[in-house]
Amino acid sequence: MILSASLFGQEETLISGQVEHGGFGGPVLKMTSVKNEFGVLVGGYGGWLINHTFMIGGGGYGLVNKIKGNDAAQLAYQVYTDRPVNIEFGYGGVVFEYIHNSNSLIHFAFSALIGAGGVTYNERDYDDWNWGEHRDDGRPNDAFFVAEPEIKAELNVASFFRVNVGGSYRFVSGVNIIGLKNSDLSGPSANITFKFGKF
């Protein structure tokens, strides 16, 4: 038995000892660039927190302000509507996060989202009574791959509530819809997040 222990030793693991569990979630506001215009994305993220340090979860975001399609898109969509069309864009995926010195009043975190999204055009305003009507009329739409790393500074407001501000870059690949290319949906983002949970 002694010989066996000396030969093989103890198993090494990424997480050892007593494991503490938690979790959080909350809304996120992103100010970004879409097709070289100012865009606002709203959504949220959250997940399972391990030892106050590692988080595994998911998140998703969607464009909420109006950004018009270019002339080629307007012309192509005349078959569906006689109104100007706006970009409809959203994405989501799995999120991994590392939180450094979580118990400090102000600390840093690093995260990455890996997933997919979709884009199309819609003529409806968000305050239209019948917004979303004719969404299944066959108009083109497209799916794409997205990866978004982020670095942020976080403030512990209360034991159950934290606020962070950060910057991310959205890498988009696979866009194939008239009037848009990968670089139109890729870009930097300034973010603010409100997190609620057990940290």
Protein backbone atom coordinates (compact mmCIF):
# COMPACT_ATOMS: atom_id res chain seq x y z
CA MET A 1 0.00 0.00 0.00
CA ILE A 2 2.83 2.38 0.88
CA LEU A 3 4.64 1.44 -2.33
CA SER A 4 1.49 2.06 -4.39
CA ALA A 5 0.97 5.51 -2.87
CA SER A 6 4.58 6.49 -3.44
CA LEU A 7 4.51 5.32 -7.05
CA PHE A 8 1.23 6.91 -8.10
CA GLY A 9 0.70 9.72 -5.56
CA GLN A 10 -2.58 11.62 -5.31
CA GLU A 11 -4.72 12.53 -8.28
CA GLU A 12 -4.38 16.19 -9.30
CA THR A 13 -7.55 18.03 -10.31
CA LEU A 14 -8.46 21.56 -11.38
CA ILE A 15 -10.88 21.90 -8.44
CA SER A 16 -9.98 20.18 -5.18
CA GLY A 17 -11.12 20.23 -1.58
CA GLN A 18 -14.54 21.47 -0.53
CA VAL A 19 -16.45 23.02 -3.44
CA GLU A 20 -18.74 25.98 -2.75
CA HIS A 21 -21.65 26.56 -5.11
CA GLY A 22 -23.51 29.71 -6.05
CA GLY A 23 -25.18 31.34 -8.98
CA PHE A 24 -26.27 34.66 -10.42
CA GLY A 25 -28.08 36.31 -13.28
CA GLY A 26 -29.05 39.74 -14.43
CA PRO A 27 -29.69 42.25 -17.21
CA VAL A 28 -26.99 43.66 -19.49
CA LEU A 29 -26.92 46.85 -21.57
CA LYS A 30 -24.43 46.98 -24.46
CA MET A 31 -23.55 50.11 -26.45
CA THR A 32 -21.92 49.06 -29.67
CA SER A 33 -21.50 49.60 -33.40
CA VAL A 34 -23.73 47.90 -35.97
CA LYS A 35 -23.05 48.67 -39.63
CA ASN A 36 -20.92 51.64 -38.49
CA GLU A 37 -23.88 53.13 -36.62
CA PHE A 38 -24.60 53.41 -32.91
CA GLY A 39 -26.44 50.34 -31.65
CA VAL A 40 -27.99 49.35 -28.33
CA LEU A 41 -28.21 45.69 -27.37
CA VAL A 42 -30.25 44.52 -24.38
CA GLY A 43 -30.20 41.08 -22.83
CA GLY A 44 -28.80 39.18 -19.91
CA TYR A 45 -26.57 36.39 -18.71
CA GLY A 46 -26.02 34.16 -15.70
CA GLY A 47 -25.08 30.71 -14.55
CA TRP A 48 -23.56 28.38 -11.98
CA LEU A 49 -20.75 29.84 -9.84
CA ILE A 50 -18.02 27.54 -8.48
CA ASN A 51 -15.83 28.53 -5.50
CA HIS A 52 -16.65 32.24 -6.00
CA THR A 53 -14.33 32.17 -9.02
CA PHE A 54 -15.53 30.22 -12.07
CA MET A 55 -18.91 30.61 -13.77
CA ILE A 56 -20.48 28.43 -16.46
CA GLY A 57 -23.75 29.63 -17.93
CA GLY A 58 -25.37 31.34 -20.86
CA GLY A 59 -26.47 34.68 -22.22
CA GLY A 60 -28.29 36.37 -25.06
CA TYR A 61 -28.70 39.86 -26.54
CA GLY A 62 -30.80 41.64 -29.14
CA LEU A 63 -30.68 44.96 -31.00
CA VAL A 64 -33.37 47.35 -29.72
CA ASN A 65 -32.83 50.58 -31.68
CA LYS A 66 -33.58 51.16 -35.36
CA ILE A 67 -30.74 50.85 -37.87
CA LYS A 68 -31.88 51.02 -41.48
CA GLY A 69 -30.72 48.59 -44.11
CA ASN A 70 -28.71 49.96 -47.03
CA ASP A 71 -30.10 50.70 -50.49
CA ALA A 72 -29.57 47.12 -51.69
CA ALA A 73 -31.61 45.76 -48.77
CA GLN A 74 -34.37 48.32 -49.26
CA LEU A 75 -34.64 47.38 -52.93
CA ALA A 76 -34.61 43.62 -52.27
CA TYR A 77 -37.33 43.85 -49.62
CA GLN A 78 -39.76 45.85 -51.74
CA VAL A 79 -41.40 42.53 -52.59
CA TYR A 80 -42.39 42.19 -48.91
CA THR A 81 -43.15 45.77 -47.89
CA ASP A 82 -43.32 49.35 -49.12
CA ARG A 83 -41.87 50.66 -45.86
CA PRO A 84 -38.15 51.17 -45.04
CA VAL A 85 -36.63 48.06 -43.47
CA ASN A 86 -34.47 47.96 -40.34
CA ILE A 87 -31.90 45.41 -39.21
CA GLU A 88 -33.19 42.79 -36.78
CA PHE A 89 -30.22 41.18 -35.04
CA GLY A 90 -29.60 39.00 -31.98
CA TYR A 91 -27.28 36.33 -30.63
CA GLY A 92 -26.60 34.09 -27.64
CA GLY A 93 -24.55 31.20 -26.40
CA VAL A 94 -22.62 29.57 -23.60
CA VAL A 95 -20.64 31.88 -21.29
CA PHE A 96 -17.49 31.12 -19.29
CA GLU A 97 -16.27 33.61 -16.68
CA TYR A 98 -13.30 33.92 -14.32
CA ILE A 99 -13.67 36.30 -11.35
CA HIS A 100 -10.45 37.45 -9.66
CA ASN A 101 -10.59 38.18 -5.90
CA SER A 102 -14.38 38.01 -5.82
CA ASN A 103 -14.61 39.10 -2.17
CA SER A 104 -12.73 42.38 -2.75
CA LEU A 105 -14.89 45.51 -2.93
CA ILE A 106 -13.67 46.20 -6.47
CA HIS A 107 -12.27 43.38 -8.55
CA PHE A 108 -11.89 42.22 -12.14
CA ALA A 109 -13.51 39.52 -14.23
CA PHE A 110 -12.87 37.98 -17.63
CA SER A 111 -15.53 36.22 -19.69
CA ALA A 112 -16.19 34.78 -23.12
CA LEU A 113 -19.42 34.00 -24.97
CA ILE A 114 -19.38 31.41 -27.75
CA GLY A 115 -22.55 30.77 -29.71
CA ALA A 116 -24.70 31.73 -32.67
CA GLY A 117 -27.09 34.42 -33.81
CA GLY A 118 -29.55 35.46 -36.46
CA VAL A 119 -30.18 38.50 -38.62
CA THR A 120 -32.98 39.64 -40.93
CA TYR A 121 -34.83 42.84 -41.82
CA ASN A 122 -38.19 44.03 -40.55
CA GLU A 123 -40.21 47.11 -41.46
CA ARG A 124 -42.13 47.21 -38.19
CA ASP A 125 -41.38 49.78 -35.51
CA TYR A 126 -41.12 48.40 -31.99
CA ASP A 127 -44.09 50.50 -30.91
CA ASP A 128 -46.32 49.26 -33.75
CA TRP A 129 -49.46 47.53 -32.50
CA ASN A 130 -48.97 44.71 -34.99
CA TRP A 131 -45.19 44.46 -34.77
CA GLY A 132 -44.07 41.03 -35.86
CA GLU A 133 -46.99 40.44 -38.24
CA HIS A 134 -45.94 38.68 -41.45
CA ARG A 135 -42.74 37.43 -39.81
CA ASP A 136 -43.25 34.08 -41.61
CA ASP A 137 -43.78 35.50 -45.08
CA GLY A 138 -40.61 33.91 -46.47
CA ARG A 139 -38.34 36.93 -46.22
CA PRO A 140 -34.61 36.07 -46.13
CA ASN A 141 -32.82 35.58 -42.83
CA ASP A 142 -29.40 34.28 -41.91
CA ALA A 143 -27.57 32.57 -39.05
CA PHE A 144 -23.97 33.19 -38.00
CA PHE A 145 -21.27 32.16 -35.51
CA VAL A 146 -20.29 34.59 -32.75
CA ALA A 147 -17.51 34.78 -30.14
CA GLU A 148 -17.27 37.66 -27.66
CA PRO A 149 -14.48 37.99 -25.05
CA GLU A 150 -14.90 40.64 -22.35
CA ILE A 151 -12.92 42.24 -19.51
CA LYS A 152 -14.73 44.13 -16.74
CA ALA A 153 -14.39 45.84 -13.37
CA GLU A 154 -16.94 44.82 -10.75
CA LEU A 155 -18.24 46.52 -7.60
CA ASN A 156 -19.74 44.57 -4.68
CA VAL A 157 -22.78 46.70 -3.76
CA ALA A 158 -24.36 44.14 -1.40
CA SER A 159 -23.92 40.46 -0.62
CA PHE A 160 -26.53 39.62 -3.29
CA PHE A 161 -25.96 42.47 -5.77
CA ARG A 162 -23.03 43.51 -7.95
CA VAL A 163 -22.53 46.01 -10.77
CA ASN A 164 -19.83 45.82 -13.40
CA VAL A 165 -18.72 47.86 -16.38
CA GLY A 166 -16.56 46.46 -19.12
CA GLY A 167 -15.55 46.26 -22.72
CA SER A 168 -15.94 43.42 -25.18
CA TYR A 169 -15.37 42.68 -28.85
CA ARG A 170 -17.93 40.74 -30.89
CA PHE A 171 -16.42 38.50 -33.59
CA VAL A 172 -19.07 37.47 -36.14
CA SER A 173 -18.54 34.98 -38.97
CA GLY A 174 -20.80 33.45 -41.59
CA VAL A 175 -23.08 36.39 -42.46
CA ASN A 176 -24.61 35.86 -45.89
CA ILE A 177 -27.57 38.20 -46.32
CA ILE A 178 -28.00 41.06 -48.75
CA GLY A 179 -26.72 44.40 -47.51
CA LEU A 180 -24.61 43.03 -44.63
CA LYS A 181 -21.22 41.40 -44.12
CA ASN A 182 -19.32 40.00 -41.12
CA SER A 183 -17.67 43.32 -40.27
CA ASP A 184 -21.07 45.09 -40.13
CA LEU A 185 -22.13 42.95 -37.16
CA SER A 186 -18.69 42.65 -35.54
CA GLY A 187 -17.31 45.37 -33.30
CA PRO A 188 -16.42 46.67 -29.84
CA SER A 189 -18.98 47.16 -27.11
CA ALA A 190 -19.16 49.09 -23.83
CA ASN A 191 -21.24 47.15 -21.32
CA ILE A 192 -22.95 47.60 -17.97
CA THR A 193 -24.29 44.61 -16.02
CA PHE A 194 -26.42 44.25 -12.90
CA LYS A 195 -25.85 40.87 -11.21
CA PHE A 196 -28.13 39.34 -8.59
CA GLY A 197 -27.51 36.06 -6.81
CA LYS A 198 -25.40 34.07 -4.38
CA PHE A 199 -21.75 34.92 -4.89
